[in-house]
Protein backbone atom coordinates (compact mmCIF):
# COMPACT_ATOMS: atom_id res chain seq x y z
CA MET A 1 -11.35 -25.50 19.55
CA THR A 2 -12.41 -23.94 16.33
CA ASN A 3 -9.97 -22.62 13.81
CA SER A 4 -12.00 -19.43 13.68
CA LYS A 5 -10.93 -18.57 17.23
CA LEU A 6 -7.28 -19.07 16.28
CA LEU A 7 -7.90 -16.95 13.20
CA ASP A 8 -9.44 -14.24 15.39
CA LEU A 9 -6.35 -14.27 17.61
CA SER A 10 -4.08 -14.21 14.57
CA ASN A 11 -5.98 -11.24 13.15
CA ALA A 12 -5.80 -9.43 16.49
CA LEU A 13 -2.04 -10.07 16.53
CA ASP A 14 -1.75 -8.67 13.00
CA LEU A 15 -3.62 -5.53 13.99
CA HIS A 16 -1.55 -5.03 17.12
CA GLU A 17 1.71 -5.55 15.19
CA ASN A 18 0.62 -2.85 12.75
CA VAL A 19 -0.23 -0.46 15.58
CA LEU A 20 3.15 -1.10 17.23
CA HIS A 21 4.91 -0.44 13.92
CA ALA A 22 3.06 2.85 13.54
CA GLU A 23 3.91 3.73 17.13
CA GLU A 24 7.60 3.03 16.50
CA GLN A 25 7.58 5.31 13.46
CA ALA A 26 5.85 8.08 15.39
CA ILE A 27 8.38 7.79 18.20
CA HIS A 28 11.28 8.02 15.76
CA ALA A 29 9.61 11.06 14.19
CA LYS A 30 9.12 12.54 17.68
CA ASP A 31 5.48 13.19 16.77
CA LEU A 32 3.82 13.34 20.17
CA LYS A 33 0.34 13.99 18.80
CA THR A 34 0.48 10.85 16.65
CA ILE A 35 1.96 8.86 19.53
CA GLU A 36 -1.02 9.86 21.66
CA GLU A 37 -3.48 8.91 18.91
CA ILE A 38 -1.77 5.58 18.43
CA SER A 39 -1.90 4.95 22.16
CA ASP A 40 -5.70 4.95 21.93
CA GLN A 41 -5.55 2.53 19.00
CA LYS A 42 -3.12 0.34 20.91
CA ASP A 43 -5.52 0.14 23.86
CA LYS A 44 -8.27 -1.05 21.52
CA SER A 45 -6.08 -3.61 19.77
CA LEU A 46 -4.88 -4.94 23.14
CA GLU A 47 -8.50 -5.32 24.19
CA MET A 48 -9.17 -7.32 21.02
CA LEU A 49 -6.16 -9.52 21.79
CA VAL A 50 -7.37 -10.18 25.32
CA HIS A 51 -10.87 -11.11 24.12
CA ALA A 52 -9.51 -13.40 21.40
CA LYS A 53 -7.18 -15.13 23.87
CA GLU A 54 -9.95 -15.47 26.47
CA ALA A 55 -12.19 -17.14 23.89
CA ILE A 56 -9.48 -19.73 23.28
CA ASP A 57 -8.83 -20.13 27.02
CA LEU A 58 -12.54 -20.82 27.66
CA GLU A 59 -12.34 -23.81 25.34
CA ARG A 60 -9.04 -24.84 26.91
CA GLY A 61 -7.55 -24.39 23.50
CA ASP A 62 -3.96 -24.36 22.45
CA PHE A 63 -2.53 -21.29 20.78
CA SER A 64 1.10 -22.39 21.05
CA SER A 65 1.37 -22.14 17.26
CA LEU A 66 1.16 -18.37 17.74
CA SER A 67 3.50 -18.16 20.73
CA ALA A 68 6.47 -16.95 18.66
CA ARG A 69 4.37 -14.07 17.32
CA ILE A 70 3.15 -13.24 20.79
CA GLU A 71 6.74 -13.14 22.08
CA SER A 72 7.72 -10.94 19.14
CA ILE A 73 4.92 -8.51 19.95
CA ILE A 74 5.93 -8.39 23.61
CA ASP A 75 9.53 -7.67 22.57
CA ARG A 76 8.39 -4.95 20.18
CA GLN A 77 6.22 -3.35 22.86
CA GLN A 78 9.19 -3.30 25.24
CA ALA A 79 11.39 -1.78 22.52
CA ASN A 80 8.82 0.95 21.84
CA THR A 81 8.55 1.68 25.54
CA GLU A 82 12.33 2.06 25.74
CA LEU A 83 12.38 4.30 22.63
CA PHE A 84 9.68 6.50 24.10
CA ARG A 85 11.49 6.66 27.44
CA ARG A 86 14.65 7.82 25.68
CA LEU A 87 12.66 10.40 23.70
CA HIS A 88 11.15 11.68 26.94
CA ILE A 89 14.58 11.91 28.60
CA GLN A 90 16.01 13.75 25.57
CA SER A 91 13.09 16.17 25.60
CA ALA A 92 13.51 16.80 29.31
CA LYS A 93 17.23 17.50 28.83
CA LYS A 94 16.50 19.92 26.00
CA ASP A 95 13.89 21.70 28.11
CA LYS A 96 16.30 21.91 31.03
CA THR A 97 19.04 23.32 28.78
CA LYS A 98 16.60 25.78 27.26
CA ASN A 99 15.38 26.85 30.70
CA SER A 100 18.95 27.13 31.89
CA ARG A 101 19.79 29.40 28.96
CA LEU A 102 16.74 31.50 29.67
CA SER A 103 17.71 31.76 33.31
CA ASN A 104 21.21 32.86 32.37
CA LEU A 105 19.79 35.43 29.96
CA GLU A 106 17.36 36.68 32.59
CA ASN A 107 20.17 36.99 35.13
CA ARG A 108 22.34 38.92 32.69
CA LEU A 109 19.46 41.23 31.84
CA ARG A 110 18.76 41.86 35.52
CA GLN A 111 22.41 42.63 36.15
CA ALA A 112 22.58 44.91 33.15
CA TYR A 113 19.58 46.93 34.28
CA ARG A 114 20.68 47.10 37.91
CA GLY A 115 23.69 48.85 36.68
């Protein structure tokens, strides 16, 4: 196997790590527009990772030297997914509370005008 294929995989890992870092920051900032934009970038960087890994697999190559980085990326992806899930749950709770307040206000207004 050529070192260039390992370098391609390493570069794809670098790119994907950067995208995941940006995604994490956007999630913490609760910036849904940026999260959506990063999701598109993440799809592209994952595609690059798959192609780079497939190229190594075709040569029956060994990329075990990068396995720790791959595990780290998988862990980071899972952490981002959990962060986003919590953000979504928090947003849903806020919306429910807001809707509940509106409903209470609407009910009070109806009662006030019914007299």
